[in-house]
Amino acid sequence: MIHSNIKMTTAQFAKLHKVNKRTLHYYDNIGLFSPSAKGDNGYRYYDASQSITFEYIRMLKELNMSIEEIADYCKNPTADKFLKIADMKEAELDLEIQTLKRTKKILESKKAQIHLCKDLHEHKIRVEECKAKKISILPYDFLDEDISEIFSYLNDNWSIEQMRMGVGSFISLDKVMNKNFEQYDGIYAYSLGRTSVSNTVVMPKGKYLCGYQKGTWDKASDMYEKMIEYARKNNLSLTGYAFEIGLNEFAISIPEEYVTKFMIKIEE
């Protein structure tokens, strides 16, 4: 504890702690934090030793405790009360840290996608070596175009964070080869590591034939034709499902700038 006889006016104390004077007046009026003395002239005077106490009050407020909760604690602080608050807030902070880590992962992923899209002129096809990725899948036939129902369906099964990673679709290679795009096999989203999400599978590591198409979604069939022709010319055997996902939907002003990524596993 700081022991000091230094007295400060409300303005000086507010400046020291970078708060508004009205905050100190309010805390004083409700009995939460009061100056150590009041002069005959009506001025409030704070001891320098009150600074640490004030910062603890600010900390509790930053931890989303209400003024009423803080005031109740400050009326009769005890070790047990403090430990109970500390344990509760530590748990809340751990959850918040995990949320922030997931949000950072989303931003990193989106940044990489946007950089790739900026360099794309019309389309690109290439073979990529990909790591194993966990994805969550859901059946969906794409016959229902009610956006609100689609979002509600996703929200019932996935977290908002997972949807922010991007939601794609997948279709069997047989349908692609037969140019049957009327009914897809399902939708997917990249997993953020939540083990509680059901229907999680692994896209195996290995080589994938990847296509990048700029333009509206109705150009998908053209991209698939180009990819099948590329595979034929390069003696690539494709297998499994074709996966599609938008890369830049939140960073464009016109549909013609939309970039879709297509992936098909190469049999090795």
C-alpha atoms as a PDB file:
ATOM      1  CA  MET A   1       0.000   0.000   0.000  1.00  0.00           C
ATOM      2  CA  ILE A   2       1.176   3.495  -0.819  1.00  0.00           C
ATOM      3  CA  HIS A   3       1.393   5.768   2.230  1.00  0.00           C
ATOM      4  CA  SER A   4       1.318   9.431   1.286  1.00  0.00           C
ATOM      5  CA  ASN A   5       0.020  12.689   2.632  1.00  0.00           C
ATOM      6  CA  ILE A   6      -0.091  14.180  -0.846  1.00  0.00           C
ATOM      7  CA  LYS A   7      -3.523  15.652  -1.492  1.00  0.00           C
ATOM      8  CA  MET A   8      -4.995  16.030  -4.953  1.00  0.00           C
ATOM      9  CA  THR A   9      -8.031  17.875  -6.196  1.00  0.00           C
ATOM     10  CA  THR A  10     -10.651  16.048  -8.240  1.00  0.00           C
ATOM     11  CA  ALA A  11      -9.179  17.500 -11.427  1.00  0.00           C
ATOM     12  CA  GLN A  12      -5.666  16.381 -10.513  1.00  0.00           C
ATOM     13  CA  PHE A  13      -6.795  12.874  -9.500  1.00  0.00           C
ATOM     14  CA  ALA A  14      -8.882  12.546 -12.682  1.00  0.00           C
ATOM     15  CA  LYS A  15      -5.930  13.624 -14.820  1.00  0.00           C
ATOM     16  CA  LEU A  16      -3.624  11.162 -13.048  1.00  0.00           C
ATOM     17  CA  HIS A  17      -5.979   8.254 -13.803  1.00  0.00           C
ATOM     18  CA  LYS A  18      -7.152   9.532 -17.198  1.00  0.00           C
ATOM     19  CA  VAL A  19     -10.833   9.610 -16.282  1.00  0.00           C
ATOM     20  CA  ASN A  20     -13.525  12.248 -16.434  1.00  0.00           C
ATOM     21  CA  LYS A  21     -14.129  14.330 -13.303  1.00  0.00           C
ATOM     22  CA  ARG A  22     -17.818  13.477 -13.562  1.00  0.00           C
ATOM     23  CA  THR A  23     -16.964   9.817 -13.015  1.00  0.00           C
ATOM     24  CA  LEU A  24     -15.347  10.667  -9.681  1.00  0.00           C
ATOM     25  CA  HIS A  25     -18.314  12.850  -8.691  1.00  0.00           C
ATOM     26  CA  TYR A  26     -20.700  10.021  -9.558  1.00  0.00           C
ATOM     27  CA  TYR A  27     -18.716   7.438  -7.585  1.00  0.00           C
ATOM     28  CA  ASP A  28     -18.664   9.778  -4.617  1.00  0.00           C
ATOM     29  CA  ASN A  29     -22.410  10.446  -4.793  1.00  0.00           C
ATOM     30  CA  ILE A  30     -23.277   6.738  -4.764  1.00  0.00           C
ATOM     31  CA  GLY A  31     -20.748   5.963  -2.045  1.00  0.00           C
ATOM     32  CA  LEU A  32     -18.566   3.737  -4.184  1.00  0.00           C
ATOM     33  CA  PHE A  33     -15.349   5.750  -4.016  1.00  0.00           C
ATOM     34  CA  SER A  34     -15.068   8.992  -2.079  1.00  0.00           C
ATOM     35  CA  PRO A  35     -12.254  11.488  -1.498  1.00  0.00           C
ATOM     36  CA  SER A  36     -10.368  11.175   1.747  1.00  0.00           C
ATOM     37  CA  ALA A  37     -11.292  14.731   2.731  1.00  0.00           C
ATOM     38  CA  LYS A  38     -13.473  17.643   1.779  1.00  0.00           C
ATOM     39  CA  GLY A  39     -12.354  21.198   2.478  1.00  0.00           C
ATOM     40  CA  ASP A  40     -14.364  24.032   3.903  1.00  0.00           C
ATOM     41  CA  ASN A  41     -14.507  25.417   0.399  1.00  0.00           C
ATOM     42  CA  GLY A  42     -16.388  22.279  -0.730  1.00  0.00           C
ATOM     43  CA  TYR A  43     -13.441  20.945  -2.736  1.00  0.00           C
ATOM     44  CA  ARG A  44     -12.791  17.223  -2.712  1.00  0.00           C
ATOM     45  CA  TYR A  45      -9.272  16.051  -1.922  1.00  0.00           C
ATOM     46  CA  TYR A  46      -7.866  12.611  -2.681  1.00  0.00           C
ATOM     47  CA  ASP A  47      -4.853  10.947  -1.132  1.00  0.00           C
ATOM     48  CA  ALA A  48      -2.268   9.482  -3.496  1.00  0.00           C
ATOM     49  CA  SER A  49      -2.701   6.279  -1.484  1.00  0.00           C
ATOM     50  CA  GLN A  50      -6.245   5.979  -2.908  1.00  0.00           C
ATOM     51  CA  SER A  51      -4.904   5.447  -6.415  1.00  0.00           C
ATOM     52  CA  ILE A  52      -4.456   1.677  -6.100  1.00  0.00           C
ATOM     53  CA  THR A  53      -7.955   1.218  -4.660  1.00  0.00           C
ATOM     54  CA  PHE A  54      -9.384   3.250  -7.514  1.00  0.00           C
ATOM     55  CA  GLU A  55      -7.551   1.133 -10.092  1.00  0.00           C
ATOM     56  CA  TYR A  56      -8.934  -2.057  -8.547  1.00  0.00           C
ATOM     57  CA  ILE A  57     -12.432  -0.613  -8.907  1.00  0.00           C
ATOM     58  CA  ARG A  58     -11.688   0.192 -12.547  1.00  0.00           C
ATOM     59  CA  MET A  59     -10.395  -3.341 -13.066  1.00  0.00           C
ATOM     60  CA  LEU A  60     -13.623  -4.842 -11.726  1.00  0.00           C
ATOM     61  CA  LYS A  61     -15.615  -2.579 -14.032  1.00  0.00           C
ATOM     62  CA  GLU A  62     -13.472  -3.649 -16.989  1.00  0.00           C
ATOM     63  CA  LEU A  63     -14.328  -7.223 -16.024  1.00  0.00           C
ATOM     64  CA  ASN A  64     -17.997  -6.385 -16.671  1.00  0.00           C
ATOM     65  CA  MET A  65     -19.075  -6.152 -13.060  1.00  0.00           C
ATOM     66  CA  SER A  66     -21.913  -3.694 -12.567  1.00  0.00           C
ATOM     67  CA  ILE A  67     -21.500  -0.597 -10.413  1.00  0.00           C
ATOM     68  CA  GLU A  68     -23.974  -2.133  -7.969  1.00  0.00           C
ATOM     69  CA  GLU A  69     -21.930  -5.345  -7.703  1.00  0.00           C
ATOM     70  CA  ILE A  70     -18.711  -3.402  -7.190  1.00  0.00           C
ATOM     71  CA  ALA A  71     -20.316  -1.151  -4.577  1.00  0.00           C
ATOM     72  CA  ASP A  72     -21.682  -4.169  -2.725  1.00  0.00           C
ATOM     73  CA  TYR A  73     -18.223  -5.729  -2.608  1.00  0.00           C
ATOM     74  CA  CYS A  74     -16.500  -2.504  -1.554  1.00  0.00           C
ATOM     75  CA  LYS A  75     -18.861  -2.040   1.397  1.00  0.00           C
ATOM     76  CA  ASN A  76     -17.432  -5.119   3.063  1.00  0.00           C
ATOM     77  CA  PRO A  77     -14.457  -6.606   1.174  1.00  0.00           C
ATOM     78  CA  THR A  78     -13.175  -9.954   2.392  1.00  0.00           C
ATOM     79  CA  ALA A  79     -10.643 -12.477   1.139  1.00  0.00           C
ATOM     80  CA  ASP A  80     -13.349 -15.059   0.413  1.00  0.00           C
ATOM     81  CA  LYS A  81     -15.409 -12.574  -1.573  1.00  0.00           C
ATOM     82  CA  PHE A  82     -12.408 -11.517  -3.608  1.00  0.00           C
ATOM     83  CA  LEU A  83     -11.387 -15.114  -4.350  1.00  0.00           C
ATOM     84  CA  LYS A  84     -14.906 -15.928  -5.506  1.00  0.00           C
ATOM     85  CA  ILE A  85     -14.897 -12.940  -7.867  1.00  0.00           C
ATOM     86  CA  ALA A  86     -11.383 -13.757  -9.097  1.00  0.00           C
ATOM     87  CA  ASP A  87     -12.262 -17.396  -9.867  1.00  0.00           C
ATOM     88  CA  MET A  88     -15.400 -16.361 -11.752  1.00  0.00           C
ATOM     89  CA  LYS A  89     -13.646 -13.667 -13.767  1.00  0.00           C
ATOM     90  CA  GLU A  90     -10.696 -15.920 -14.586  1.00  0.00           C
ATOM     91  CA  ALA A  91     -13.111 -18.421 -16.116  1.00  0.00           C
ATOM     92  CA  GLU A  92     -14.796 -15.658 -18.112  1.00  0.00           C
ATOM     93  CA  LEU A  93     -11.428 -14.363 -19.318  1.00  0.00           C
ATOM     94  CA  ASP A  94     -10.374 -17.848 -20.427  1.00  0.00           C
ATOM     95  CA  LEU A  95     -13.514 -18.075 -22.564  1.00  0.00           C
ATOM     96  CA  GLU A  96     -12.905 -14.617 -23.985  1.00  0.00           C
ATOM     97  CA  ILE A  97      -9.292 -15.471 -24.807  1.00  0.00           C
ATOM     98  CA  GLN A  98     -10.415 -18.572 -26.699  1.00  0.00           C
ATOM     99  CA  THR A  99     -12.983 -16.496 -28.584  1.00  0.00           C
ATOM    100  CA  LEU A 100     -10.353 -13.919 -29.502  1.00  0.00           C
ATOM    101  CA  LYS A 101      -7.972 -16.655 -30.680  1.00  0.00           C
ATOM    102  CA  ARG A 102     -10.689 -18.063 -32.947  1.00  0.00           C
ATOM    103  CA  THR A 103     -11.479 -14.579 -34.248  1.00  0.00           C
ATOM    104  CA  LYS A 104      -7.791 -14.018 -35.005  1.00  0.00           C
ATOM    105  CA  LYS A 105      -7.698 -17.314 -36.888  1.00  0.00           C
ATOM    106  CA  ILE A 106     -10.684 -16.191 -38.965  1.00  0.00           C
ATOM    107  CA  LEU A 107      -9.016 -12.864 -39.788  1.00  0.00           C
ATOM    108  CA  GLU A 108      -5.737 -14.558 -40.751  1.00  0.00           C
ATOM    109  CA  SER A 109      -7.600 -16.946 -43.036  1.00  0.00           C
ATOM    110  CA  LYS A 110      -9.622 -14.170 -44.655  1.00  0.00           C
ATOM    111  CA  LYS A 111      -6.533 -12.005 -45.209  1.00  0.00           C
ATOM    112  CA  ALA A 112      -4.783 -14.844 -47.032  1.00  0.00           C
ATOM    113  CA  GLN A 113      -7.860 -15.406 -49.199  1.00  0.00           C
ATOM    114  CA  ILE A 114      -8.217 -11.738 -50.094  1.00  0.00           C
ATOM    115  CA  HIS A 115      -4.534 -11.466 -51.097  1.00  0.00           C
ATOM    116  CA  LEU A 116      -5.010 -14.465 -53.385  1.00  0.00           C
ATOM    117  CA  CYS A 117      -8.162 -12.965 -54.932  1.00  0.00           C
ATOM    118  CA  LYS A 118      -6.481  -9.631 -55.635  1.00  0.00           C
ATOM    119  CA  ASP A 119      -3.991 -11.353 -57.958  1.00  0.00           C
ATOM    120  CA  LEU A 120      -6.637 -13.339 -59.859  1.00  0.00           C
ATOM    121  CA  HIS A 121      -7.555 -11.979 -63.298  1.00  0.00           C
ATOM    122  CA  GLU A 122     -10.255 -14.420 -64.434  1.00  0.00           C
ATOM    123  CA  HIS A 123      -9.487 -17.999 -63.527  1.00  0.00           C
ATOM    124  CA  LYS A 124      -6.616 -20.179 -62.424  1.00  0.00           C
ATOM    125  CA  ILE A 125      -6.158 -23.947 -62.205  1.00  0.00           C
ATOM    126  CA  ARG A 126      -3.288 -25.576 -60.382  1.00  0.00           C
ATOM    127  CA  VAL A 127      -2.292 -28.577 -58.282  1.00  0.00           C
ATOM    128  CA  GLU A 128      -1.850 -27.788 -54.591  1.00  0.00           C
ATOM    129  CA  GLU A 129      -0.366 -29.830 -51.753  1.00  0.00           C
ATOM    130  CA  CYS A 130      -2.844 -29.475 -48.880  1.00  0.00           C
ATOM    131  CA  LYS A 131      -2.677 -30.352 -45.211  1.00  0.00           C
ATOM    132  CA  ALA A 132      -5.394 -32.434 -43.587  1.00  0.00           C
ATOM    133  CA  LYS A 133      -8.303 -30.216 -42.559  1.00  0.00           C
ATOM    134  CA  LYS A 134     -11.240 -30.849 -40.290  1.00  0.00           C
ATOM    135  CA  ILE A 135     -14.564 -29.820 -41.776  1.00  0.00           C
ATOM    136  CA  SER A 136     -18.108 -30.001 -40.467  1.00  0.00           C
ATOM    137  CA  ILE A 137     -20.656 -31.164 -42.995  1.00  0.00           C
ATOM    138  CA  LEU A 138     -24.420 -30.984 -43.256  1.00  0.00           C
ATOM    139  CA  PRO A 139     -26.785 -32.450 -45.840  1.00  0.00           C
ATOM    140  CA  TYR A 140     -28.456 -29.833 -48.003  1.00  0.00           C
ATOM    141  CA  ASP A 141     -30.065 -30.078 -51.428  1.00  0.00           C
ATOM    142  CA  PHE A 142     -30.080 -26.365 -52.382  1.00  0.00           C
ATOM    143  CA  LEU A 143     -33.625 -26.551 -53.678  1.00  0.00           C
ATOM    144  CA  ASP A 144     -34.876 -24.125 -51.021  1.00  0.00           C
ATOM    145  CA  GLU A 145     -33.752 -20.568 -51.750  1.00  0.00           C
ATOM    146  CA  ASP A 146     -35.161 -18.923 -48.598  1.00  0.00           C
ATOM    147  CA  ILE A 147     -32.033 -17.276 -47.161  1.00  0.00           C
ATOM    148  CA  SER A 148     -33.548 -16.880 -43.694  1.00  0.00           C
ATOM    149  CA  GLU A 149     -34.288 -20.600 -43.501  1.00  0.00           C
ATOM    150  CA  ILE A 150     -30.791 -21.451 -44.721  1.00  0.00           C
ATOM    151  CA  PHE A 151     -29.180 -19.241 -42.075  1.00  0.00           C
ATOM    152  CA  SER A 152     -31.465 -20.636 -39.372  1.00  0.00           C
ATOM    153  CA  TYR A 153     -30.515 -24.164 -40.427  1.00  0.00           C
ATOM    154  CA  LEU A 154     -26.805 -23.346 -40.191  1.00  0.00           C
ATOM    155  CA  ASN A 155     -27.216 -21.495 -36.899  1.00  0.00           C
ATOM    156  CA  ASP A 156     -28.919 -24.518 -35.354  1.00  0.00           C
ATOM    157  CA  ASN A 157     -25.930 -26.708 -36.164  1.00  0.00           C
ATOM    158  CA  TRP A 158     -22.839 -24.508 -36.175  1.00  0.00           C
ATOM    159  CA  SER A 159     -21.467 -21.622 -34.166  1.00  0.00           C
ATOM    160  CA  ILE A 160     -21.433 -18.119 -35.648  1.00  0.00           C
ATOM    161  CA  GLU A 161     -17.629 -18.226 -35.513  1.00  0.00           C
ATOM    162  CA  GLN A 162     -17.519 -21.352 -37.618  1.00  0.00           C
ATOM    163  CA  MET A 163     -19.838 -19.817 -40.207  1.00  0.00           C
ATOM    164  CA  ARG A 164     -17.573 -16.754 -40.353  1.00  0.00           C
ATOM    165  CA  MET A 165     -14.804 -19.036 -41.603  1.00  0.00           C
ATOM    166  CA  GLY A 166     -16.933 -19.441 -44.705  1.00  0.00           C
ATOM    167  CA  VAL A 167     -19.614 -21.876 -45.780  1.00  0.00           C
ATOM    168  CA  GLY A 168     -19.106 -23.955 -48.888  1.00  0.00           C
ATOM    169  CA  SER A 169     -20.812 -26.755 -50.739  1.00  0.00           C
ATOM    170  CA  PHE A 170     -19.776 -30.156 -51.997  1.00  0.00           C
ATOM    171  CA  ILE A 171     -20.954 -32.397 -54.798  1.00  0.00           C
ATOM    172  CA  SER A 172     -19.951 -35.890 -55.855  1.00  0.00           C
ATOM    173  CA  LEU A 173     -17.416 -36.286 -58.641  1.00  0.00           C
ATOM    174  CA  ASP A 174     -19.919 -38.484 -60.525  1.00  0.00           C
ATOM    175  CA  LYS A 175     -22.385 -35.583 -60.681  1.00  0.00           C
ATOM    176  CA  VAL A 176     -19.628 -33.258 -61.859  1.00  0.00           C
ATOM    177  CA  MET A 177     -18.596 -35.666 -64.616  1.00  0.00           C
ATOM    178  CA  ASN A 178     -22.253 -36.002 -65.711  1.00  0.00           C
ATOM    179  CA  LYS A 179     -22.797 -32.220 -65.491  1.00  0.00           C
ATOM    180  CA  ASN A 180     -25.579 -32.730 -62.980  1.00  0.00           C
ATOM    181  CA  PHE A 181     -25.514 -29.639 -60.780  1.00  0.00           C
ATOM    182  CA  GLU A 182     -29.191 -29.556 -59.865  1.00  0.00           C
ATOM    183  CA  GLN A 183     -28.732 -31.126 -56.442  1.00  0.00           C
ATOM    184  CA  TYR A 184     -25.601 -30.852 -54.332  1.00  0.00           C
ATOM    185  CA  ASP A 185     -24.692 -33.392 -51.657  1.00  0.00           C
ATOM    186  CA  GLY A 186     -24.246 -30.952 -48.788  1.00  0.00           C
ATOM    187  CA  ILE A 187     -22.573 -27.945 -47.260  1.00  0.00           C
ATOM    188  CA  TYR A 188     -19.443 -27.629 -45.167  1.00  0.00           C
ATOM    189  CA  ALA A 189     -17.429 -25.236 -43.040  1.00  0.00           C
ATOM    190  CA  TYR A 190     -13.871 -25.430 -41.810  1.00  0.00           C
ATOM    191  CA  SER A 191     -13.657 -26.513 -38.194  1.00  0.00           C
ATOM    192  CA  LEU A 192     -12.269 -24.168 -35.544  1.00  0.00           C
ATOM    193  CA  GLY A 193     -11.269 -27.086 -33.362  1.00  0.00           C
ATOM    194  CA  ARG A 194     -14.512 -27.423 -31.433  1.00  0.00           C
ATOM    195  CA  THR A 195     -14.812 -31.102 -30.613  1.00  0.00           C
ATOM    196  CA  SER A 196     -18.491 -30.735 -29.702  1.00  0.00           C
ATOM    197  CA  VAL A 197     -19.531 -30.070 -33.307  1.00  0.00           C
ATOM    198  CA  SER A 198     -21.211 -33.119 -34.811  1.00  0.00           C
ATOM    199  CA  ASN A 199     -20.635 -34.521 -38.300  1.00  0.00           C
ATOM    200  CA  THR A 200     -16.976 -33.518 -38.392  1.00  0.00           C
ATOM    201  CA  VAL A 201     -14.816 -35.291 -40.957  1.00  0.00           C
ATOM    202  CA  VAL A 202     -11.281 -34.860 -42.229  1.00  0.00           C
ATOM    203  CA  MET A 203     -10.336 -33.745 -45.709  1.00  0.00           C
ATOM    204  CA  PRO A 204      -7.210 -35.881 -46.114  1.00  0.00           C
ATOM    205  CA  LYS A 205      -3.850 -34.344 -46.810  1.00  0.00           C
ATOM    206  CA  GLY A 206      -2.409 -34.736 -50.256  1.00  0.00           C
ATOM    207  CA  LYS A 207      -2.627 -33.205 -53.691  1.00  0.00           C
ATOM    208  CA  TYR A 208      -5.785 -31.449 -54.846  1.00  0.00           C
ATOM    209  CA  LEU A 209      -6.716 -30.041 -58.192  1.00  0.00           C
ATOM    210  CA  CYS A 210      -7.759 -26.480 -57.362  1.00  0.00           C
ATOM    211  CA  GLY A 211      -9.592 -23.991 -59.519  1.00  0.00           C
ATOM    212  CA  TYR A 212     -10.183 -20.314 -58.835  1.00  0.00           C
ATOM    213  CA  GLN A 213     -13.023 -18.670 -60.713  1.00  0.00           C
ATOM    214  CA  LYS A 214     -13.885 -14.967 -60.736  1.00  0.00           C
ATOM    215  CA  GLY A 215     -17.512 -14.149 -61.446  1.00  0.00           C
ATOM    216  CA  THR A 216     -21.023 -15.193 -60.469  1.00  0.00           C
ATOM    217  CA  TRP A 217     -21.770 -18.697 -59.255  1.00  0.00           C
ATOM    218  CA  ASP A 218     -23.440 -19.726 -62.543  1.00  0.00           C
ATOM    219  CA  LYS A 219     -19.926 -20.035 -64.018  1.00  0.00           C
ATOM    220  CA  ALA A 220     -19.210 -23.055 -61.804  1.00  0.00           C
ATOM    221  CA  SER A 221     -20.046 -25.596 -64.497  1.00  0.00           C
ATOM    222  CA  ASP A 222     -17.556 -23.916 -66.869  1.00  0.00           C
ATOM    223  CA  MET A 223     -14.816 -24.136 -64.237  1.00  0.00           C
ATOM    224  CA  TYR A 224     -15.504 -27.816 -63.670  1.00  0.00           C
ATOM    225  CA  GLU A 225     -15.186 -28.481 -67.413  1.00  0.00           C
ATOM    226  CA  LYS A 226     -11.826 -26.711 -67.441  1.00  0.00           C
ATOM    227  CA  MET A 227     -10.647 -28.690 -64.393  1.00  0.00           C
ATOM    228  CA  ILE A 228     -11.711 -32.032 -65.875  1.00  0.00           C
ATOM    229  CA  GLU A 229      -9.899 -31.151 -69.109  1.00  0.00           C
ATOM    230  CA  TYR A 230      -6.792 -30.106 -67.129  1.00  0.00           C
ATOM    231  CA  ALA A 231      -6.837 -33.435 -65.282  1.00  0.00           C
ATOM    232  CA  ARG A 232      -7.178 -35.361 -68.536  1.00  0.00           C
ATOM    233  CA  LYS A 233      -4.290 -33.559 -70.208  1.00  0.00           C
ATOM    234  CA  ASN A 234      -2.038 -34.047 -67.175  1.00  0.00           C
ATOM    235  CA  ASN A 235      -3.042 -37.677 -66.498  1.00  0.00           C
ATOM    236  CA  LEU A 236      -4.521 -36.881 -63.092  1.00  0.00           C
ATOM    237  CA  SER A 237      -7.002 -39.294 -61.556  1.00  0.00           C
ATOM    238  CA  LEU A 238      -9.625 -37.488 -59.484  1.00  0.00           C
ATOM    239  CA  THR A 239     -11.646 -38.974 -56.650  1.00  0.00           C
ATOM    240  CA  GLY A 240     -14.275 -38.245 -54.005  1.00  0.00           C
ATOM    241  CA  TYR A 241     -16.155 -34.971 -53.944  1.00  0.00           C
ATOM    242  CA  ALA A 242     -15.716 -31.530 -55.404  1.00  0.00           C
ATOM    243  CA  PHE A 243     -15.665 -28.781 -52.795  1.00  0.00           C
ATOM    244  CA  GLU A 244     -16.596 -25.163 -53.484  1.00  0.00           C
ATOM    245  CA  ILE A 245     -16.258 -22.105 -51.255  1.00  0.00           C
ATOM    246  CA  GLY A 246     -16.372 -18.342 -51.715  1.00  0.00           C
ATOM    247  CA  LEU A 247     -13.212 -16.463 -50.765  1.00  0.00           C
ATOM    248  CA  ASN A 248     -14.010 -12.753 -50.832  1.00  0.00           C
ATOM    249  CA  GLU A 249     -17.752 -12.204 -50.372  1.00  0.00           C
ATOM    250  CA  PHE A 250     -17.188  -9.533 -47.707  1.00  0.00           C
ATOM    251  CA  ALA A 251     -14.608  -7.599 -49.724  1.00  0.00           C
ATOM    252  CA  ILE A 252     -16.338  -6.891 -53.033  1.00  0.00           C
ATOM    253  CA  SER A 253     -18.857  -4.365 -54.322  1.00  0.00           C
ATOM    254  CA  ILE A 254     -20.134  -6.186 -57.419  1.00  0.00           C
ATOM    255  CA  PRO A 255     -20.964  -9.896 -57.993  1.00  0.00           C
ATOM    256  CA  GLU A 256     -18.552 -10.063 -60.934  1.00  0.00           C
ATOM    257  CA  GLU A 257     -15.642  -9.738 -58.475  1.00  0.00           C
ATOM    258  CA  TYR A 258     -16.738 -12.795 -56.482  1.00  0.00           C
ATOM    259  CA  VAL A 259     -14.089 -15.531 -56.355  1.00  0.00           C
ATOM    260  CA  THR A 260     -14.931 -19.188 -55.816  1.00  0.00           C
ATOM    261  CA  LYS A 261     -12.392 -21.870 -54.995  1.00  0.00           C
ATOM    262  CA  PHE A 262     -12.965 -25.432 -56.268  1.00  0.00           C
ATOM    263  CA  MET A 263     -11.086 -28.448 -54.881  1.00  0.00           C
ATOM    264  CA  ILE A 264     -11.025 -32.085 -56.006  1.00  0.00           C
ATOM    265  CA  LYS A 265      -8.743 -34.712 -54.453  1.00  0.00           C
ATOM    266  CA  ILE A 266      -6.150 -36.274 -56.747  1.00  0.00           C
ATOM    267  CA  GLU A 267      -5.863 -40.021 -56.385  1.00  0.00           C
ATOM    268  CA  GLU A 268      -2.285 -41.037 -55.573  1.00  0.00           C
END
